Amino acid sequence: MVTIVVATTSDPASINPAYALLAMPGWLPVPAPSLLQQGIKSFANKNVRFLQHDKGIVEEDDLDRRWEEATGEAVDEVIFFSKHTAVSNRPALTVHPIGVPHLREGDVPPQGGRPGWAAPPDPRIGPWLRLLKKLAQSHNLVPEFEITLEGTHHGPITIKPTMFLEIGSTDEYWKRQDAAKVIALVEYTFIIFFLSINFH
């Protein structure tokens, strides 16, 4: 079973944490020719697979299924790096599940997904929110950044347990390297301390 982490070059709050993560030890390119033909690059570290594409983060549906078909590896969960927007424009680091279960048949989802659909929430949301808060505090992002659990409200479509890790809420904060590093450290801490216990 593998964990998929997804980022897009079209969003600084997505690609900056991705670059910070890939700069940490252990990453190697991994071939997935059918996905590469679709413009998706992939890297591996233990049983984490990092996918990078150039579309909007909610535009690449079924990456869990597509990875399984391309590689034969079963996907356990999917994690997306993305920007967060809010009317308040307050700086924030957020974690949330995805889906648009509130939309009815015939409604057009404004940010991906399918009416009535929701991905299973990733069971790590609670532990990761606590880890995110701890790392943000240790990197002096709190109290400037609010650490929040957000409601579900967008795609893309997945069938595996899924969560988003986001930086908000304006362009100034989306580009913050210190925030990007904290988001990357949440994922890398998972790789080093949790996956290494069971990885062979």
C-alpha atoms as a PDB file:
ATOM      1  CA  MET A   1       0.000   0.000   0.000  1.00  0.00           C
ATOM      2  CA  VAL A   2       1.242   3.480  -0.861  1.00  0.00           C
ATOM      3  CA  THR A   3       0.359   7.020   0.142  1.00  0.00           C
ATOM      4  CA  ILE A   4       0.017   9.480  -2.729  1.00  0.00           C
ATOM      5  CA  VAL A   5       0.974  13.139  -2.218  1.00  0.00           C
ATOM      6  CA  VAL A   6      -0.140  15.527  -4.976  1.00  0.00           C
ATOM      7  CA  ALA A   7       0.990  19.048  -5.875  1.00  0.00           C
ATOM      8  CA  THR A   8       0.546  21.372  -8.832  1.00  0.00           C
ATOM      9  CA  THR A   9       2.988  23.843 -10.350  1.00  0.00           C
ATOM     10  CA  SER A  10       0.080  26.254 -10.933  1.00  0.00           C
ATOM     11  CA  ASP A  11      -0.210  27.085  -7.211  1.00  0.00           C
ATOM     12  CA  PRO A  12       2.672  28.429  -5.062  1.00  0.00           C
ATOM     13  CA  ALA A  13       1.012  27.101  -1.894  1.00  0.00           C
ATOM     14  CA  SER A  14       1.096  23.650  -3.497  1.00  0.00           C
ATOM     15  CA  ILE A  15       4.435  23.522  -5.306  1.00  0.00           C
ATOM     16  CA  ASN A  16       6.532  25.297  -2.645  1.00  0.00           C
ATOM     17  CA  PRO A  17       5.762  22.665   0.034  1.00  0.00           C
ATOM     18  CA  ALA A  18       6.372  20.050  -2.672  1.00  0.00           C
ATOM     19  CA  TYR A  19       9.826  21.439  -3.464  1.00  0.00           C
ATOM     20  CA  ALA A  20      10.616  21.594   0.260  1.00  0.00           C
ATOM     21  CA  LEU A  21       9.498  17.975   0.649  1.00  0.00           C
ATOM     22  CA  LEU A  22      11.490  16.736  -2.358  1.00  0.00           C
ATOM     23  CA  ALA A  23      14.608  18.495  -0.996  1.00  0.00           C
ATOM     24  CA  MET A  24      14.485  16.211   2.049  1.00  0.00           C
ATOM     25  CA  PRO A  25      16.442  12.918   1.922  1.00  0.00           C
ATOM     26  CA  GLY A  26      15.241   9.728   0.276  1.00  0.00           C
ATOM     27  CA  TRP A  27      13.360  10.815  -2.855  1.00  0.00           C
ATOM     28  CA  LEU A  28      13.977   9.124  -6.202  1.00  0.00           C
ATOM     29  CA  PRO A  29      12.207   9.471  -9.566  1.00  0.00           C
ATOM     30  CA  VAL A  30       9.866   6.545 -10.155  1.00  0.00           C
ATOM     31  CA  PRO A  31       8.689   5.601 -13.653  1.00  0.00           C
ATOM     32  CA  ALA A  32       4.996   5.709 -14.457  1.00  0.00           C
ATOM     33  CA  PRO A  33       5.078   6.127 -18.261  1.00  0.00           C
ATOM     34  CA  SER A  34       1.321   6.364 -18.819  1.00  0.00           C
ATOM     35  CA  LEU A  35       1.056   9.190 -16.265  1.00  0.00           C
ATOM     36  CA  LEU A  36       4.195  10.903 -17.553  1.00  0.00           C
ATOM     37  CA  GLN A  37       2.544  11.027 -20.979  1.00  0.00           C
ATOM     38  CA  GLN A  38      -0.274  12.939 -19.259  1.00  0.00           C
ATOM     39  CA  GLY A  39       2.220  15.461 -17.843  1.00  0.00           C
ATOM     40  CA  ILE A  40       2.430  13.937 -14.350  1.00  0.00           C
ATOM     41  CA  LYS A  41       5.894  13.476 -12.804  1.00  0.00           C
ATOM     42  CA  SER A  42       6.343  10.983  -9.969  1.00  0.00           C
ATOM     43  CA  PHE A  43       8.844  10.355  -7.171  1.00  0.00           C
ATOM     44  CA  ALA A  44       9.103   7.760  -4.396  1.00  0.00           C
ATOM     45  CA  ASN A  45      10.305   7.740  -0.796  1.00  0.00           C
ATOM     46  CA  LYS A  46       9.658   4.475   1.072  1.00  0.00           C
ATOM     47  CA  ASN A  47       5.959   3.835   0.386  1.00  0.00           C
ATOM     48  CA  VAL A  48       5.045   7.451  -0.374  1.00  0.00           C
ATOM     49  CA  ARG A  49       4.544   8.452  -3.997  1.00  0.00           C
ATOM     50  CA  PHE A  50       4.702  12.139  -4.904  1.00  0.00           C
ATOM     51  CA  LEU A  51       2.845  13.260  -8.047  1.00  0.00           C
ATOM     52  CA  GLN A  52       3.359  16.666  -9.667  1.00  0.00           C
ATOM     53  CA  HIS A  53       1.180  18.096 -12.430  1.00  0.00           C
ATOM     54  CA  ASP A  54       0.518  21.469 -14.046  1.00  0.00           C
ATOM     55  CA  LYS A  55      -3.280  21.700 -13.878  1.00  0.00           C
ATOM     56  CA  GLY A  56      -5.411  23.215 -11.141  1.00  0.00           C
ATOM     57  CA  ILE A  57      -5.321  21.043  -8.017  1.00  0.00           C
ATOM     58  CA  VAL A  58      -9.029  20.118  -8.324  1.00  0.00           C
ATOM     59  CA  GLU A  59      -8.804  19.280 -12.055  1.00  0.00           C
ATOM     60  CA  GLU A  60      -6.997  15.908 -11.957  1.00  0.00           C
ATOM     61  CA  ASP A  61      -9.666  13.392 -10.929  1.00  0.00           C
ATOM     62  CA  ASP A  62      -9.073   9.746  -9.978  1.00  0.00           C
ATOM     63  CA  LEU A  63      -5.330  10.004  -9.325  1.00  0.00           C
ATOM     64  CA  ASP A  64      -5.615   7.137  -6.840  1.00  0.00           C
ATOM     65  CA  ARG A  65      -7.201   4.813  -9.415  1.00  0.00           C
ATOM     66  CA  ARG A  66      -4.921   6.032 -12.203  1.00  0.00           C
ATOM     67  CA  TRP A  67      -1.812   5.354 -10.102  1.00  0.00           C
ATOM     68  CA  GLU A  68      -3.019   1.847  -9.303  1.00  0.00           C
ATOM     69  CA  GLU A  69      -3.661   1.165 -12.987  1.00  0.00           C
ATOM     70  CA  ALA A  70      -0.299   2.625 -14.057  1.00  0.00           C
ATOM     71  CA  THR A  71       1.871   0.853 -11.469  1.00  0.00           C
ATOM     72  CA  GLY A  72      -0.058  -2.017  -9.892  1.00  0.00           C
ATOM     73  CA  GLU A  73       0.515  -0.453  -6.452  1.00  0.00           C
ATOM     74  CA  ALA A  74      -2.520  -0.290  -4.153  1.00  0.00           C
ATOM     75  CA  VAL A  75      -3.219   3.214  -2.826  1.00  0.00           C
ATOM     76  CA  ASP A  76      -3.995   3.630   0.865  1.00  0.00           C
ATOM     77  CA  GLU A  77      -4.625   7.404   0.999  1.00  0.00           C
ATOM     78  CA  VAL A  78      -4.245  10.632  -0.985  1.00  0.00           C
ATOM     79  CA  ILE A  79      -2.895  13.943   0.342  1.00  0.00           C
ATOM     80  CA  PHE A  80      -3.009  17.208  -1.599  1.00  0.00           C
ATOM     81  CA  PHE A  81      -0.971  20.391  -1.035  1.00  0.00           C
ATOM     82  CA  SER A  82      -2.978  23.494  -1.945  1.00  0.00           C
ATOM     83  CA  LYS A  83      -3.806  27.111  -1.252  1.00  0.00           C
ATOM     84  CA  HIS A  84      -6.604  28.141   1.097  1.00  0.00           C
ATOM     85  CA  THR A  85      -8.764  31.199   0.493  1.00  0.00           C
ATOM     86  CA  ALA A  86     -10.940  33.020   3.011  1.00  0.00           C
ATOM     87  CA  VAL A  87     -12.940  36.238   3.081  1.00  0.00           C
ATOM     88  CA  SER A  88     -10.982  37.285   6.175  1.00  0.00           C
ATOM     89  CA  ASN A  89      -7.642  36.991   4.295  1.00  0.00           C
ATOM     90  CA  ARG A  90      -6.191  35.801   7.605  1.00  0.00           C
ATOM     91  CA  PRO A  91      -3.015  33.690   7.379  1.00  0.00           C
ATOM     92  CA  ALA A  92      -3.882  30.066   8.054  1.00  0.00           C
ATOM     93  CA  LEU A  93      -2.636  26.509   7.795  1.00  0.00           C
ATOM     94  CA  THR A  94      -5.554  24.137   7.324  1.00  0.00           C
ATOM     95  CA  VAL A  95      -6.378  20.455   7.087  1.00  0.00           C
ATOM     96  CA  HIS A  96      -9.646  19.174   5.637  1.00  0.00           C
ATOM     97  CA  PRO A  97     -11.452  16.280   3.926  1.00  0.00           C
ATOM     98  CA  ILE A  98     -12.887  16.736   0.434  1.00  0.00           C
ATOM     99  CA  GLY A  99     -16.196  16.369  -1.357  1.00  0.00           C
ATOM    100  CA  VAL A 100     -19.379  18.200  -2.284  1.00  0.00           C
ATOM    101  CA  PRO A 101     -22.088  16.100  -0.580  1.00  0.00           C
ATOM    102  CA  HIS A 102     -24.299  19.188  -0.199  1.00  0.00           C
ATOM    103  CA  LEU A 103     -24.771  19.548  -3.981  1.00  0.00           C
ATOM    104  CA  ARG A 104     -27.717  17.910  -5.725  1.00  0.00           C
ATOM    105  CA  GLU A 105     -27.883  16.092  -9.045  1.00  0.00           C
ATOM    106  CA  GLY A 106     -27.668  18.694 -11.796  1.00  0.00           C
ATOM    107  CA  ASP A 107     -25.701  21.205  -9.705  1.00  0.00           C
ATOM    108  CA  VAL A 108     -22.335  22.215 -11.131  1.00  0.00           C
ATOM    109  CA  PRO A 109     -19.534  21.902  -8.567  1.00  0.00           C
ATOM    110  CA  PRO A 110     -17.595  25.188  -8.680  1.00  0.00           C
ATOM    111  CA  GLN A 111     -14.313  23.558  -7.590  1.00  0.00           C
ATOM    112  CA  GLY A 112     -14.356  19.988  -8.850  1.00  0.00           C
ATOM    113  CA  GLY A 113     -15.963  16.845  -7.546  1.00  0.00           C
ATOM    114  CA  ARG A 114     -19.382  15.394  -8.357  1.00  0.00           C
ATOM    115  CA  PRO A 115     -22.748  16.361  -6.790  1.00  0.00           C
ATOM    116  CA  GLY A 116     -23.445  14.256  -3.712  1.00  0.00           C
ATOM    117  CA  TRP A 117     -19.916  12.810  -3.636  1.00  0.00           C
ATOM    118  CA  ALA A 118     -17.388  12.899  -0.798  1.00  0.00           C
ATOM    119  CA  ALA A 119     -14.112  11.026  -0.434  1.00  0.00           C
ATOM    120  CA  PRO A 120     -13.677   9.049   2.780  1.00  0.00           C
ATOM    121  CA  PRO A 121     -11.963  11.372   5.284  1.00  0.00           C
ATOM    122  CA  ASP A 122      -8.357  10.388   5.924  1.00  0.00           C
ATOM    123  CA  PRO A 123      -8.152   8.873   9.436  1.00  0.00           C
ATOM    124  CA  ARG A 124      -4.919  10.819  10.005  1.00  0.00           C
ATOM    125  CA  ILE A 125      -6.672  14.203   9.866  1.00  0.00           C
ATOM    126  CA  GLY A 126      -6.781  14.555  13.664  1.00  0.00           C
ATOM    127  CA  PRO A 127      -3.171  13.502  14.329  1.00  0.00           C
ATOM    128  CA  TRP A 128      -1.925  15.607  11.419  1.00  0.00           C
ATOM    129  CA  LEU A 129      -3.812  18.683  12.624  1.00  0.00           C
ATOM    130  CA  ARG A 130      -2.118  18.304  16.020  1.00  0.00           C
ATOM    131  CA  LEU A 131       1.282  17.770  14.366  1.00  0.00           C
ATOM    132  CA  LEU A 132       0.702  20.778  12.093  1.00  0.00           C
ATOM    133  CA  LYS A 133      -0.023  22.956  15.126  1.00  0.00           C
ATOM    134  CA  LYS A 134       3.073  21.697  16.958  1.00  0.00           C
ATOM    135  CA  LEU A 135       5.369  22.278  13.961  1.00  0.00           C
ATOM    136  CA  ALA A 136       3.847  25.706  13.247  1.00  0.00           C
ATOM    137  CA  GLN A 137       4.472  26.717  16.857  1.00  0.00           C
ATOM    138  CA  SER A 138       8.062  25.443  16.806  1.00  0.00           C
ATOM    139  CA  HIS A 139       8.709  27.431  13.591  1.00  0.00           C
ATOM    140  CA  ASN A 140       7.203  30.623  15.077  1.00  0.00           C
ATOM    141  CA  LEU A 141       4.216  30.754  12.703  1.00  0.00           C
ATOM    142  CA  VAL A 142       1.754  30.918  15.609  1.00  0.00           C
ATOM    143  CA  PRO A 143       0.000  33.236  16.476  1.00  0.00           C
ATOM    144  CA  GLU A 144       0.417  34.873  13.034  1.00  0.00           C
ATOM    145  CA  PHE A 145      -1.068  31.804  11.328  1.00  0.00           C
ATOM    146  CA  GLU A 146      -4.316  30.239  12.488  1.00  0.00           C
ATOM    147  CA  ILE A 147      -4.236  26.414  12.516  1.00  0.00           C
ATOM    148  CA  THR A 148      -7.661  25.089  11.526  1.00  0.00           C
ATOM    149  CA  LEU A 149      -9.719  22.072  10.538  1.00  0.00           C
ATOM    150  CA  GLU A 150     -11.842  23.133   7.590  1.00  0.00           C
ATOM    151  CA  GLY A 151     -15.101  21.705   6.227  1.00  0.00           C
ATOM    152  CA  THR A 152     -15.299  19.792   2.961  1.00  0.00           C
ATOM    153  CA  HIS A 153     -16.202  21.836  -0.127  1.00  0.00           C
ATOM    154  CA  HIS A 154     -14.370  20.773  -3.301  1.00  0.00           C
ATOM    155  CA  GLY A 155     -12.784  18.029  -5.404  1.00  0.00           C
ATOM    156  CA  PRO A 156     -10.960  16.426  -7.105  1.00  0.00           C
ATOM    157  CA  ILE A 157     -12.654  13.040  -7.187  1.00  0.00           C
ATOM    158  CA  THR A 158     -10.918  10.216  -5.311  1.00  0.00           C
ATOM    159  CA  ILE A 159     -12.217   6.990  -3.792  1.00  0.00           C
ATOM    160  CA  LYS A 160      -9.489   6.489  -1.185  1.00  0.00           C
ATOM    161  CA  PRO A 161      -9.270   8.330   2.160  1.00  0.00           C
ATOM    162  CA  THR A 162      -8.167  11.855   1.310  1.00  0.00           C
ATOM    163  CA  MET A 163      -7.161  15.150   2.905  1.00  0.00           C
ATOM    164  CA  PHE A 164      -5.867  18.548   1.881  1.00  0.00           C
ATOM    165  CA  LEU A 165      -3.053  20.446   3.622  1.00  0.00           C
ATOM    166  CA  GLU A 166      -3.372  24.123   2.762  1.00  0.00           C
ATOM    167  CA  ILE A 167      -1.661  27.490   3.199  1.00  0.00           C
ATOM    168  CA  GLY A 168      -3.873  30.578   3.313  1.00  0.00           C
ATOM    169  CA  SER A 169      -5.228  32.959   2.691  1.00  0.00           C
ATOM    170  CA  THR A 170      -3.670  35.421   0.183  1.00  0.00           C
ATOM    171  CA  ASP A 171      -0.858  35.466  -2.370  1.00  0.00           C
ATOM    172  CA  GLU A 172       1.525  36.898   0.237  1.00  0.00           C
ATOM    173  CA  TYR A 173       1.058  33.849   2.469  1.00  0.00           C
ATOM    174  CA  TRP A 174       0.770  31.264  -0.326  1.00  0.00           C
ATOM    175  CA  LYS A 175       4.382  32.131  -1.217  1.00  0.00           C
ATOM    176  CA  ARG A 176       5.763  32.002   2.332  1.00  0.00           C
ATOM    177  CA  GLN A 177       8.698  29.587   2.439  1.00  0.00           C
ATOM    178  CA  ASP A 178       8.443  29.101   6.207  1.00  0.00           C
ATOM    179  CA  ALA A 179       4.823  27.978   5.847  1.00  0.00           C
ATOM    180  CA  ALA A 180       5.782  25.712   2.930  1.00  0.00           C
ATOM    181  CA  LYS A 181       8.499  24.107   5.042  1.00  0.00           C
ATOM    182  CA  VAL A 182       6.061  23.359   7.876  1.00  0.00           C
ATOM    183  CA  ILE A 183       3.585  21.712   5.479  1.00  0.00           C
ATOM    184  CA  ALA A 184       6.436  19.625   4.027  1.00  0.00           C
ATOM    185  CA  LEU A 185       7.633  18.655   7.507  1.00  0.00           C
ATOM    186  CA  VAL A 186       4.201  17.299   8.410  1.00  0.00           C
ATOM    187  CA  GLU A 187       4.437  14.838   5.519  1.00  0.00           C
ATOM    188  CA  TYR A 188       8.126  14.085   6.043  1.00  0.00           C
ATOM    189  CA  THR A 189       7.615  13.401   9.751  1.00  0.00           C
ATOM    190  CA  PHE A 190       5.019  10.839   8.695  1.00  0.00           C
ATOM    191  CA  ILE A 191       7.496   9.239   6.275  1.00  0.00           C
ATOM    192  CA  ILE A 192      10.369   9.071   8.753  1.00  0.00           C
ATOM    193  CA  PHE A 193       8.684   8.205  12.019  1.00  0.00           C
ATOM    194  CA  PHE A 194       5.572   6.279  11.042  1.00  0.00           C
ATOM    195  CA  LEU A 195       6.244   4.540   7.749  1.00  0.00           C
ATOM    196  CA  SER A 196       9.770   3.498   8.705  1.00  0.00           C
ATOM    197  CA  ILE A 197       8.340   1.289  11.452  1.00  0.00           C
ATOM    198  CA  ASN A 198       6.483  -0.902   8.952  1.00  0.00           C
ATOM    199  CA  PHE A 199       8.466  -0.378   5.754  1.00  0.00           C
ATOM    200  CA  HIS A 200      10.701  -3.210   4.510  1.00  0.00           C
END
